[in-house]
Amino acid sequence: MAKSLYKTLEVSENASESEIKKAYRKLARQYHPDVNKDKGAEDKFKEINAAYEILSDKEKKQQYDMHGDNMFGGQNFHDFSRSQAGGGADLDEILRQMFAGGGGFGGFSSSNPFESGGFRQQQQQPNLDIEANVTIPFSVSILGGSHSVSVNGERFDIKIPAGVKSGEKMRVKGKGHAQGGRAGDLFLKISVAANPDYIREDDDLIKSFDVPLYAALFGDKISIKTLEKEIKLKVPSNTKNGQRFRVKEMGAMNRKTKIRGDLYLEANIVLPKVEDIDKDLVKAMKEKLPKE
């Protein structure tokens, strides 16, 4: 049974959770539109994110492992994503439809919150409320902001509060079904898209940053781009690989206490290639550097 999602992330079908995550972060960095300006990089980035959304979710992964590419009408994921994008469809929204309750394609059960006429209504009448899933960018979940959604053929912006987490629900008044002069409400279940540069732990954020060997040995100031702004971090001499530096109150907002968490910057020491180092220095290092 063909399972092209694994090929999209360049991992085997037996890959562990950590291997899938590592592969995703590598590819997401490589094809991120802010970094890769090649034609097709943005589409590739979207494919990688969509594939990771499925394979990083235990329930979705279980469904996909069971049915494989039959979920995409027998197409491999690359061709499926291209055909959907070519038709002007939102790939993330289509995948949410497929996996919301396990229905929508290939004869799966239809507990899908998306029906042919739009989103599923509650069974009890005359309930005009609508329930739907929405995936928001990681940066919006941390900083807050507006996000565009499409319901019943209408596209509009919703205000996302800072600090929102996956699984939280939002109510948008008056955006449900309309009948007899009445309008129901829209209830959105939030999913936060993964970000290759950040890990969220409660209200704290963790970000890896590169440290040249010179800075690690002798200390230096390093510029680091965060979700909010570029900051200058003073790295002390003898910095170790994996060493963390705390930047206060640059994490996620706690929506109950209204207190922000911290940002932890984790050092990734970048070693130069030996062939790029001055030969005399290499010779001196071989003679003088301790071997233990």
C-alpha atoms as a PDB file:
ATOM      1  CA  MET A   1       0.000   0.000   0.000  1.00  0.00           C
ATOM      2  CA  ALA A   2       1.505   3.309  -1.122  1.00  0.00           C
ATOM      3  CA  LYS A   3       2.189   5.811   1.662  1.00  0.00           C
ATOM      4  CA  SER A   4       3.701   8.880   0.059  1.00  0.00           C
ATOM      5  CA  LEU A   5       3.480  11.114   3.149  1.00  0.00           C
ATOM      6  CA  TYR A   6       6.594   9.409   4.467  1.00  0.00           C
ATOM      7  CA  LYS A   7       8.385  10.170   1.181  1.00  0.00           C
ATOM      8  CA  THR A   8       7.328  13.804   1.520  1.00  0.00           C
ATOM      9  CA  LEU A   9       9.155  13.984   4.877  1.00  0.00           C
ATOM     10  CA  GLU A  10      11.961  11.736   3.579  1.00  0.00           C
ATOM     11  CA  VAL A  11      11.586   9.146   6.331  1.00  0.00           C
ATOM     12  CA  SER A  12      10.793   5.429   6.359  1.00  0.00           C
ATOM     13  CA  GLU A  13       7.327   4.106   7.188  1.00  0.00           C
ATOM     14  CA  ASN A  14       8.769   2.755  10.450  1.00  0.00           C
ATOM     15  CA  ALA A  15      10.193   6.115  11.506  1.00  0.00           C
ATOM     16  CA  SER A  16       9.802   7.034  15.168  1.00  0.00           C
ATOM     17  CA  GLU A  17       8.047  10.159  16.422  1.00  0.00           C
ATOM     18  CA  SER A  18      11.395  11.857  17.078  1.00  0.00           C
ATOM     19  CA  GLU A  19      12.723  10.909  13.602  1.00  0.00           C
ATOM     20  CA  ILE A  20       9.597  12.358  11.952  1.00  0.00           C
ATOM     21  CA  LYS A  21       9.922  15.554  13.964  1.00  0.00           C
ATOM     22  CA  LYS A  22      13.629  15.889  13.169  1.00  0.00           C
ATOM     23  CA  ALA A  23      13.015  15.363   9.439  1.00  0.00           C
ATOM     24  CA  TYR A  24      10.187  17.902   9.442  1.00  0.00           C
ATOM     25  CA  ARG A  25      12.276  20.582  11.141  1.00  0.00           C
ATOM     26  CA  LYS A  26      15.132  20.043   8.685  1.00  0.00           C
ATOM     27  CA  LEU A  27      12.898  20.254   5.590  1.00  0.00           C
ATOM     28  CA  ALA A  28      10.828  23.145   6.953  1.00  0.00           C
ATOM     29  CA  ARG A  29      13.992  25.171   7.437  1.00  0.00           C
ATOM     30  CA  GLN A  30      15.199  24.257   3.947  1.00  0.00           C
ATOM     31  CA  TYR A  31      11.986  25.224   2.144  1.00  0.00           C
ATOM     32  CA  HIS A  32      10.690  28.072   4.318  1.00  0.00           C
ATOM     33  CA  PRO A  33       9.638  30.907   1.946  1.00  0.00           C
ATOM     34  CA  ASP A  34      11.604  33.436   3.991  1.00  0.00           C
ATOM     35  CA  VAL A  35      14.781  31.452   3.312  1.00  0.00           C
ATOM     36  CA  ASN A  36      14.219  29.649   0.020  1.00  0.00           C
ATOM     37  CA  LYS A  37      13.254  31.940  -2.855  1.00  0.00           C
ATOM     38  CA  ASP A  38      13.230  29.185  -5.494  1.00  0.00           C
ATOM     39  CA  LYS A  39      10.084  28.692  -7.546  1.00  0.00           C
ATOM     40  CA  GLY A  40       7.963  25.990  -5.951  1.00  0.00           C
ATOM     41  CA  ALA A  41       9.561  26.294  -2.503  1.00  0.00           C
ATOM     42  CA  GLU A  42       6.370  27.697  -0.976  1.00  0.00           C
ATOM     43  CA  ASP A  43       4.269  24.810  -2.325  1.00  0.00           C
ATOM     44  CA  LYS A  44       6.865  22.344  -1.069  1.00  0.00           C
ATOM     45  CA  PHE A  45       6.782  24.032   2.352  1.00  0.00           C
ATOM     46  CA  LYS A  46       2.988  23.657   2.455  1.00  0.00           C
ATOM     47  CA  GLU A  47       3.256  19.959   1.535  1.00  0.00           C
ATOM     48  CA  ILE A  48       5.810  19.384   4.290  1.00  0.00           C
ATOM     49  CA  ASN A  49       3.621  21.109   6.901  1.00  0.00           C
ATOM     50  CA  ALA A  50       0.504  19.217   5.810  1.00  0.00           C
ATOM     51  CA  ALA A  51       2.353  15.888   5.885  1.00  0.00           C
ATOM     52  CA  TYR A  52       3.724  16.631   9.350  1.00  0.00           C
ATOM     53  CA  GLU A  53       0.273  17.658  10.592  1.00  0.00           C
ATOM     54  CA  ILE A  54      -0.903  14.122   9.828  1.00  0.00           C
ATOM     55  CA  LEU A  55       2.141  12.056  10.825  1.00  0.00           C
ATOM     56  CA  SER A  56       2.700  13.956  14.103  1.00  0.00           C
ATOM     57  CA  ASP A  57      -0.876  13.288  15.259  1.00  0.00           C
ATOM     58  CA  LYS A  58      -1.332   9.753  16.619  1.00  0.00           C
ATOM     59  CA  GLU A  59      -4.972   9.387  15.541  1.00  0.00           C
ATOM     60  CA  LYS A  60      -4.432  10.858  12.073  1.00  0.00           C
ATOM     61  CA  LYS A  61      -1.280   8.782  11.590  1.00  0.00           C
ATOM     62  CA  GLN A  62      -3.152   5.620  12.579  1.00  0.00           C
ATOM     63  CA  GLN A  63      -5.835   6.344   9.974  1.00  0.00           C
ATOM     64  CA  TYR A  64      -3.246   7.091   7.313  1.00  0.00           C
ATOM     65  CA  ASP A  65      -1.187   3.985   8.117  1.00  0.00           C
ATOM     66  CA  MET A  66      -4.371   1.935   7.741  1.00  0.00           C
ATOM     67  CA  HIS A  67      -5.576   3.404   4.436  1.00  0.00           C
ATOM     68  CA  GLY A  68      -2.445   4.944   2.881  1.00  0.00           C
ATOM     69  CA  ASP A  69      -2.803   7.044  -0.268  1.00  0.00           C
ATOM     70  CA  ASN A  70      -6.324   5.712  -0.808  1.00  0.00           C
ATOM     71  CA  MET A  71      -7.267   8.710   1.320  1.00  0.00           C
ATOM     72  CA  PHE A  72      -6.151  10.913  -1.568  1.00  0.00           C
ATOM     73  CA  GLY A  73      -8.171   9.053  -4.166  1.00  0.00           C
ATOM     74  CA  GLY A  74      -5.242   6.778  -4.959  1.00  0.00           C
ATOM     75  CA  GLN A  75      -2.935   9.693  -5.886  1.00  0.00           C
ATOM     76  CA  ASN A  76       0.367  10.192  -4.164  1.00  0.00           C
ATOM     77  CA  PHE A  77       0.373  13.143  -1.799  1.00  0.00           C
ATOM     78  CA  HIS A  78       2.455  15.352  -4.104  1.00  0.00           C
ATOM     79  CA  ASP A  79      -0.012  15.007  -7.006  1.00  0.00           C
ATOM     80  CA  PHE A  80      -2.992  15.345  -4.665  1.00  0.00           C
ATOM     81  CA  SER A  81      -1.678  18.579  -3.131  1.00  0.00           C
ATOM     82  CA  ARG A  82      -0.878  20.011  -6.556  1.00  0.00           C
ATOM     83  CA  SER A  83      -4.349  19.211  -7.896  1.00  0.00           C
ATOM     84  CA  GLN A  84      -6.010  20.833  -4.875  1.00  0.00           C
ATOM     85  CA  ALA A  85      -3.799  23.912  -4.976  1.00  0.00           C
ATOM     86  CA  GLY A  86      -4.370  24.216  -8.714  1.00  0.00           C
ATOM     87  CA  GLY A  87      -8.099  24.356  -8.075  1.00  0.00           C
ATOM     88  CA  GLY A  88      -7.667  27.221  -5.619  1.00  0.00           C
ATOM     89  CA  ALA A  89      -8.440  24.995  -2.617  1.00  0.00           C
ATOM     90  CA  ASP A  90      -6.862  25.385   0.811  1.00  0.00           C
ATOM     91  CA  LEU A  91      -4.857  22.197   1.371  1.00  0.00           C
ATOM     92  CA  ASP A  92      -4.856  22.559   5.167  1.00  0.00           C
ATOM     93  CA  GLU A  93      -8.632  22.942   5.170  1.00  0.00           C
ATOM     94  CA  ILE A  94      -9.092  19.859   2.978  1.00  0.00           C
ATOM     95  CA  LEU A  95      -6.919  17.776   5.311  1.00  0.00           C
ATOM     96  CA  ARG A  96      -8.869  19.017   8.312  1.00  0.00           C
ATOM     97  CA  GLN A  97     -12.041  17.907   6.583  1.00  0.00           C
ATOM     98  CA  MET A  98     -10.599  14.480   5.874  1.00  0.00           C
ATOM     99  CA  PHE A  99      -9.444  13.869   9.433  1.00  0.00           C
ATOM    100  CA  ALA A 100     -12.164  15.597  11.466  1.00  0.00           C
ATOM    101  CA  GLY A 101     -13.783  12.498  12.874  1.00  0.00           C
ATOM    102  CA  GLY A 102     -12.161  10.284  10.245  1.00  0.00           C
ATOM    103  CA  GLY A 103     -14.526  10.960   7.380  1.00  0.00           C
ATOM    104  CA  GLY A 104     -14.978  12.445   3.996  1.00  0.00           C
ATOM    105  CA  PHE A 105     -12.906  10.306   1.608  1.00  0.00           C
ATOM    106  CA  GLY A 106     -12.659   6.709   0.481  1.00  0.00           C
ATOM    107  CA  GLY A 107     -15.849   5.563   2.199  1.00  0.00           C
ATOM    108  CA  PHE A 108     -14.798   6.551   5.713  1.00  0.00           C
ATOM    109  CA  SER A 109     -17.393   7.159   8.393  1.00  0.00           C
ATOM    110  CA  SER A 110     -19.090  10.552   8.200  1.00  0.00           C
ATOM    111  CA  SER A 111     -18.719  12.059  11.634  1.00  0.00           C
ATOM    112  CA  ASN A 112     -16.940  14.814   9.734  1.00  0.00           C
ATOM    113  CA  PRO A 113     -17.844  18.323  10.947  1.00  0.00           C
ATOM    114  CA  PHE A 114     -17.757  19.433   7.302  1.00  0.00           C
ATOM    115  CA  GLU A 115     -20.679  18.398   5.105  1.00  0.00           C
ATOM    116  CA  SER A 116     -21.321  19.007   1.403  1.00  0.00           C
ATOM    117  CA  GLY A 117     -23.314  22.138   2.161  1.00  0.00           C
ATOM    118  CA  GLY A 118     -20.721  23.635   4.490  1.00  0.00           C
ATOM    119  CA  PHE A 119     -20.057  22.896   8.165  1.00  0.00           C
ATOM    120  CA  ARG A 120     -22.101  20.433  10.165  1.00  0.00           C
ATOM    121  CA  GLN A 121     -25.066  21.768  12.111  1.00  0.00           C
ATOM    122  CA  GLN A 122     -26.000  20.432  15.492  1.00  0.00           C
ATOM    123  CA  GLN A 123     -28.614  17.709  15.316  1.00  0.00           C
ATOM    124  CA  GLN A 124     -31.031  19.460  17.605  1.00  0.00           C
ATOM    125  CA  GLN A 125     -33.205  21.965  15.751  1.00  0.00           C
ATOM    126  CA  PRO A 126     -33.547  24.874  15.417  1.00  0.00           C
ATOM    127  CA  ASN A 127     -29.916  25.128  16.568  1.00  0.00           C
ATOM    128  CA  LEU A 128     -28.171  27.421  14.082  1.00  0.00           C
ATOM    129  CA  ASP A 129     -24.690  27.169  15.604  1.00  0.00           C
ATOM    130  CA  ILE A 130     -21.757  25.866  13.590  1.00  0.00           C
ATOM    131  CA  GLU A 131     -18.761  23.889  14.827  1.00  0.00           C
ATOM    132  CA  ALA A 132     -15.497  23.875  12.886  1.00  0.00           C
ATOM    133  CA  ASN A 133     -11.762  23.397  13.228  1.00  0.00           C
ATOM    134  CA  VAL A 134      -9.248  26.101  12.353  1.00  0.00           C
ATOM    135  CA  THR A 135      -5.460  25.944  12.207  1.00  0.00           C
ATOM    136  CA  ILE A 136      -3.614  29.164  13.024  1.00  0.00           C
ATOM    137  CA  PRO A 137       0.068  30.061  12.545  1.00  0.00           C
ATOM    138  CA  PHE A 138       2.355  29.538  15.532  1.00  0.00           C
ATOM    139  CA  SER A 139       3.310  33.223  15.654  1.00  0.00           C
ATOM    140  CA  VAL A 140      -0.349  34.273  15.865  1.00  0.00           C
ATOM    141  CA  SER A 141      -0.949  31.842  18.743  1.00  0.00           C
ATOM    142  CA  ILE A 142       1.870  33.477  20.708  1.00  0.00           C
ATOM    143  CA  LEU A 143       1.452  37.149  19.819  1.00  0.00           C
ATOM    144  CA  GLY A 144      -2.237  37.238  18.925  1.00  0.00           C
ATOM    145  CA  GLY A 145      -3.655  38.903  15.837  1.00  0.00           C
ATOM    146  CA  SER A 146      -6.201  38.379  13.094  1.00  0.00           C
ATOM    147  CA  HIS A 147      -6.708  35.195  11.082  1.00  0.00           C
ATOM    148  CA  SER A 148      -8.864  34.697   8.014  1.00  0.00           C
ATOM    149  CA  VAL A 149     -11.465  31.899   7.953  1.00  0.00           C
ATOM    150  CA  SER A 150     -14.053  30.848   5.382  1.00  0.00           C
ATOM    151  CA  VAL A 151     -17.493  29.615   6.432  1.00  0.00           C
ATOM    152  CA  ASN A 152     -20.546  29.067   4.246  1.00  0.00           C
ATOM    153  CA  GLY A 153     -18.883  30.828   1.326  1.00  0.00           C
ATOM    154  CA  GLU A 154     -18.064  33.902   3.414  1.00  0.00           C
ATOM    155  CA  ARG A 155     -14.498  34.834   4.289  1.00  0.00           C
ATOM    156  CA  PHE A 156     -13.822  37.058   7.275  1.00  0.00           C
ATOM    157  CA  ASP A 157     -11.146  37.786   9.883  1.00  0.00           C
ATOM    158  CA  ILE A 158     -11.328  36.649  13.480  1.00  0.00           C
ATOM    159  CA  LYS A 159      -9.325  38.071  16.379  1.00  0.00           C
ATOM    160  CA  ILE A 160      -7.001  35.531  18.009  1.00  0.00           C
ATOM    161  CA  PRO A 161      -5.965  36.309  21.597  1.00  0.00           C
ATOM    162  CA  ALA A 162      -2.284  36.025  22.514  1.00  0.00           C
ATOM    163  CA  GLY A 163      -1.301  32.761  24.190  1.00  0.00           C
ATOM    164  CA  VAL A 164      -4.030  30.527  22.746  1.00  0.00           C
ATOM    165  CA  LYS A 165      -3.266  26.786  22.711  1.00  0.00           C
ATOM    166  CA  SER A 166      -4.343  23.867  20.551  1.00  0.00           C
ATOM    167  CA  GLY A 167      -7.652  22.435  21.733  1.00  0.00           C
ATOM    168  CA  GLU A 168      -9.085  25.736  22.952  1.00  0.00           C
ATOM    169  CA  LYS A 169     -12.425  26.866  21.565  1.00  0.00           C
ATOM    170  CA  MET A 170     -13.505  30.296  20.391  1.00  0.00           C
ATOM    171  CA  ARG A 171     -16.981  31.676  19.859  1.00  0.00           C
ATOM    172  CA  VAL A 172     -17.700  34.070  16.993  1.00  0.00           C
ATOM    173  CA  LYS A 173     -21.137  35.589  17.411  1.00  0.00           C
ATOM    174  CA  GLY A 174     -23.542  35.755  14.496  1.00  0.00           C
ATOM    175  CA  LYS A 175     -21.447  33.703  12.083  1.00  0.00           C
ATOM    176  CA  GLY A 176     -23.527  30.530  12.246  1.00  0.00           C
ATOM    177  CA  HIS A 177     -26.444  29.537  10.027  1.00  0.00           C
ATOM    178  CA  ALA A 178     -29.168  32.117   9.443  1.00  0.00           C
ATOM    179  CA  GLN A 179     -32.872  31.316   9.460  1.00  0.00           C
ATOM    180  CA  GLY A 180     -35.978  33.398   9.993  1.00  0.00           C
ATOM    181  CA  GLY A 181     -34.040  36.514  10.868  1.00  0.00           C
ATOM    182  CA  ARG A 182     -31.915  34.640  13.418  1.00  0.00           C
ATOM    183  CA  ALA A 183     -28.221  33.773  13.166  1.00  0.00           C
ATOM    184  CA  GLY A 184     -26.361  31.199  15.166  1.00  0.00           C
ATOM    185  CA  ASP A 185     -22.784  31.414  16.399  1.00  0.00           C
ATOM    186  CA  LEU A 186     -19.598  29.889  15.070  1.00  0.00           C
ATOM    187  CA  PHE A 187     -17.629  27.705  17.502  1.00  0.00           C
ATOM    188  CA  LEU A 188     -14.048  27.195  16.424  1.00  0.00           C
ATOM    189  CA  LYS A 189     -11.721  24.554  17.832  1.00  0.00           C
ATOM    190  CA  ILE A 190      -8.173  25.885  17.593  1.00  0.00           C
ATOM    191  CA  SER A 191      -5.186  23.944  16.290  1.00  0.00           C
ATOM    192  CA  VAL A 192      -1.790  25.636  16.325  1.00  0.00           C
ATOM    193  CA  ALA A 193       0.520  24.868  13.408  1.00  0.00           C
ATOM    194  CA  ALA A 194       3.966  23.556  14.260  1.00  0.00           C
ATOM    195  CA  ASN A 195       6.952  25.863  13.892  1.00  0.00           C
ATOM    196  CA  PRO A 196      10.386  24.416  13.027  1.00  0.00           C
ATOM    197  CA  ASP A 197      12.196  27.053  15.098  1.00  0.00           C
ATOM    198  CA  TYR A 198      10.249  26.931  18.358  1.00  0.00           C
ATOM    199  CA  ILE A 199       9.053  24.476  20.970  1.00  0.00           C
ATOM    200  CA  ARG A 200       6.382  25.563  23.454  1.00  0.00           C
ATOM    201  CA  GLU A 201       6.535  24.190  26.997  1.00  0.00           C
ATOM    202  CA  ASP A 202       3.587  25.512  28.994  1.00  0.00           C
ATOM    203  CA  ASP A 203       4.069  29.297  28.695  1.00  0.00           C
ATOM    204  CA  ASP A 204       7.769  29.164  27.859  1.00  0.00           C
ATOM    205  CA  LEU A 205       9.314  29.047  24.387  1.00  0.00           C
ATOM    206  CA  ILE A 206      12.545  27.294  23.411  1.00  0.00           C
ATOM    207  CA  LYS A 207      14.542  28.306  20.354  1.00  0.00           C
ATOM    208  CA  SER A 208      17.879  27.014  19.115  1.00  0.00           C
ATOM    209  CA  PHE A 209      20.415  29.523  17.802  1.00  0.00           C
ATOM    210  CA  ASP A 210      23.803  29.100  16.142  1.00  0.00           C
ATOM    211  CA  VAL A 211      26.950  30.138  17.986  1.00  0.00           C
ATOM    212  CA  PRO A 212      30.243  30.401  16.034  1.00  0.00           C
ATOM    213  CA  LEU A 213      33.163  28.633  17.666  1.00  0.00           C
ATOM    214  CA  TYR A 214      34.930  31.946  18.302  1.00  0.00           C
ATOM    215  CA  ALA A 215      31.966  33.268  20.289  1.00  0.00           C
ATOM    216  CA  ALA A 216      31.658  30.016  22.237  1.00  0.00           C
ATOM    217  CA  LEU A 217      35.321  30.136  23.225  1.00  0.00           C
ATOM    218  CA  PHE A 218      35.906  33.835  23.799  1.00  0.00           C
ATOM    219  CA  GLY A 219      32.435  35.388  24.103  1.00  0.00           C
ATOM    220  CA  ASP A 220      30.628  37.757  21.749  1.00  0.00           C
ATOM    221  CA  LYS A 221      27.293  39.402  20.979  1.00  0.00           C
ATOM    222  CA  ILE A 222      24.992  37.519  18.607  1.00  0.00           C
ATOM    223  CA  SER A 223      21.941  38.858  16.769  1.00  0.00           C
ATOM    224  CA  ILE A 224      18.892  36.587  17.042  1.00  0.00           C
ATOM    225  CA  LYS A 225      15.544  37.012  15.305  1.00  0.00           C
ATOM    226  CA  THR A 226      12.602  36.235  17.579  1.00  0.00           C
ATOM    227  CA  LEU A 227       8.873  36.227  16.857  1.00  0.00           C
ATOM    228  CA  GLU A 228       8.680  39.863  17.944  1.00  0.00           C
ATOM    229  CA  LYS A 229      11.987  41.502  17.064  1.00  0.00           C
ATOM    230  CA  GLU A 230      15.700  41.036  16.623  1.00  0.00           C
ATOM    231  CA  ILE A 231      17.640  40.957  19.875  1.00  0.00           C
ATOM    232  CA  LYS A 232      21.328  41.044  20.792  1.00  0.00           C
ATOM    233  CA  LEU A 233      22.433  38.268  23.118  1.00  0.00           C
ATOM    234  CA  LYS A 234      25.735  38.470  24.977  1.00  0.00           C
ATOM    235  CA  VAL A 235      27.269  35.014  24.873  1.00  0.00           C
ATOM    236  CA  PRO A 236      29.930  34.497  27.544  1.00  0.00           C
ATOM    237  CA  SER A 237      33.242  32.733  26.977  1.00  0.00           C
ATOM    238  CA  ASN A 238      33.310  28.962  27.440  1.00  0.00           C
ATOM    239  CA  THR A 239      29.682  28.576  26.319  1.00  0.00           C
ATOM    240  CA  LYS A 240      28.711  24.909  26.079  1.00  0.00           C
ATOM    241  CA  ASN A 241      26.640  23.275  23.362  1.00  0.00           C
ATOM    242  CA  GLY A 242      23.009  23.129  24.509  1.00  0.00           C
ATOM    243  CA  GLN A 243      23.518  25.830  27.131  1.00  0.00           C
ATOM    244  CA  ARG A 244      20.370  27.904  27.626  1.00  0.00           C
ATOM    245  CA  PHE A 245      19.928  31.637  28.063  1.00  0.00           C
ATOM    246  CA  ARG A 246      16.694  33.088  29.438  1.00  0.00           C
ATOM    247  CA  VAL A 247      15.043  36.155  27.979  1.00  0.00           C
ATOM    248  CA  LYS A 248      12.354  37.214  30.426  1.00  0.00           C
ATOM    249  CA  GLU A 249       8.748  37.693  29.361  1.00  0.00           C
ATOM    250  CA  MET A 250       9.225  36.867  25.696  1.00  0.00           C
ATOM    251  CA  GLY A 251       7.305  33.607  25.878  1.00  0.00           C
ATOM    252  CA  ALA A 252       3.577  32.930  25.558  1.00  0.00           C
ATOM    253  CA  MET A 253       0.873  34.817  27.424  1.00  0.00           C
ATOM    254  CA  ASN A 254      -0.930  32.873  30.129  1.00  0.00           C
ATOM    255  CA  ARG A 255      -4.544  33.722  29.378  1.00  0.00           C
ATOM    256  CA  LYS A 256      -5.626  33.198  32.989  1.00  0.00           C
ATOM    257  CA  THR A 257      -2.906  35.078  34.850  1.00  0.00           C
ATOM    258  CA  LYS A 258      -2.073  37.503  31.997  1.00  0.00           C
ATOM    259  CA  ILE A 259       1.615  36.868  32.724  1.00  0.00           C
ATOM    260  CA  ARG A 260       3.996  36.009  29.912  1.00  0.00           C
ATOM    261  CA  GLY A 261       6.387  33.106  30.059  1.00  0.00           C
ATOM    262  CA  ASP A 262      10.061  33.305  29.130  1.00  0.00           C
ATOM    263  CA  LEU A 263      12.054  32.605  25.984  1.00  0.00           C
ATOM    264  CA  TYR A 264      14.916  30.137  26.380  1.00  0.00           C
ATOM    265  CA  LEU A 265      17.634  30.369  23.737  1.00  0.00           C
ATOM    266  CA  GLU A 266      19.575  27.128  23.348  1.00  0.00           C
ATOM    267  CA  ALA A 267      23.123  27.358  22.015  1.00  0.00           C
ATOM    268  CA  ASN A 268      24.077  25.297  18.967  1.00  0.00           C
ATOM    269  CA  ILE A 269      27.826  25.628  18.564  1.00  0.00           C
ATOM    270  CA  VAL A 270      28.855  25.623  14.904  1.00  0.00           C
ATOM    271  CA  LEU A 271      32.283  24.113  14.285  1.00  0.00           C
ATOM    272  CA  PRO A 272      34.241  25.333  11.239  1.00  0.00           C
ATOM    273  CA  LYS A 273      35.510  22.843   8.673  1.00  0.00           C
ATOM    274  CA  VAL A 274      39.135  21.911   9.280  1.00  0.00           C
ATOM    275  CA  GLU A 275      40.027  22.701   5.660  1.00  0.00           C
ATOM    276  CA  ASP A 276      38.779  26.267   6.166  1.00  0.00           C
ATOM    277  CA  ILE A 277      41.124  26.901   9.111  1.00  0.00           C
ATOM    278  CA  ASP A 278      44.597  28.353   8.649  1.00  0.00           C
ATOM    279  CA  LYS A 279      47.111  25.509   8.325  1.00  0.00           C
ATOM    280  CA  ASP A 280      49.438  26.905  10.971  1.00  0.00           C
ATOM    281  CA  LEU A 281      46.535  27.192  13.393  1.00  0.00           C
ATOM    282  CA  VAL A 282      45.486  23.614  12.646  1.00  0.00           C
ATOM    283  CA  LYS A 283      49.019  22.446  13.335  1.00  0.00           C
ATOM    284  CA  ALA A 284      49.145  24.364  16.615  1.00  0.00           C
ATOM    285  CA  MET A 285      45.729  22.988  17.642  1.00  0.00           C
ATOM    286  CA  LYS A 286      46.833  19.422  16.947  1.00  0.00           C
ATOM    287  CA  GLU A 287      49.887  19.939  19.129  1.00  0.00           C
ATOM    288  CA  LYS A 288      48.311  21.848  22.003  1.00  0.00           C
ATOM    289  CA  LEU A 289      44.622  20.996  22.255  1.00  0.00           C
ATOM    290  CA  PRO A 290      43.849  18.507  25.039  1.00  0.00           C
ATOM    291  CA  LYS A 291      42.655  15.123  23.771  1.00  0.00           C
ATOM    292  CA  GLU A 292      40.422  14.440  26.756  1.00  0.00           C
END
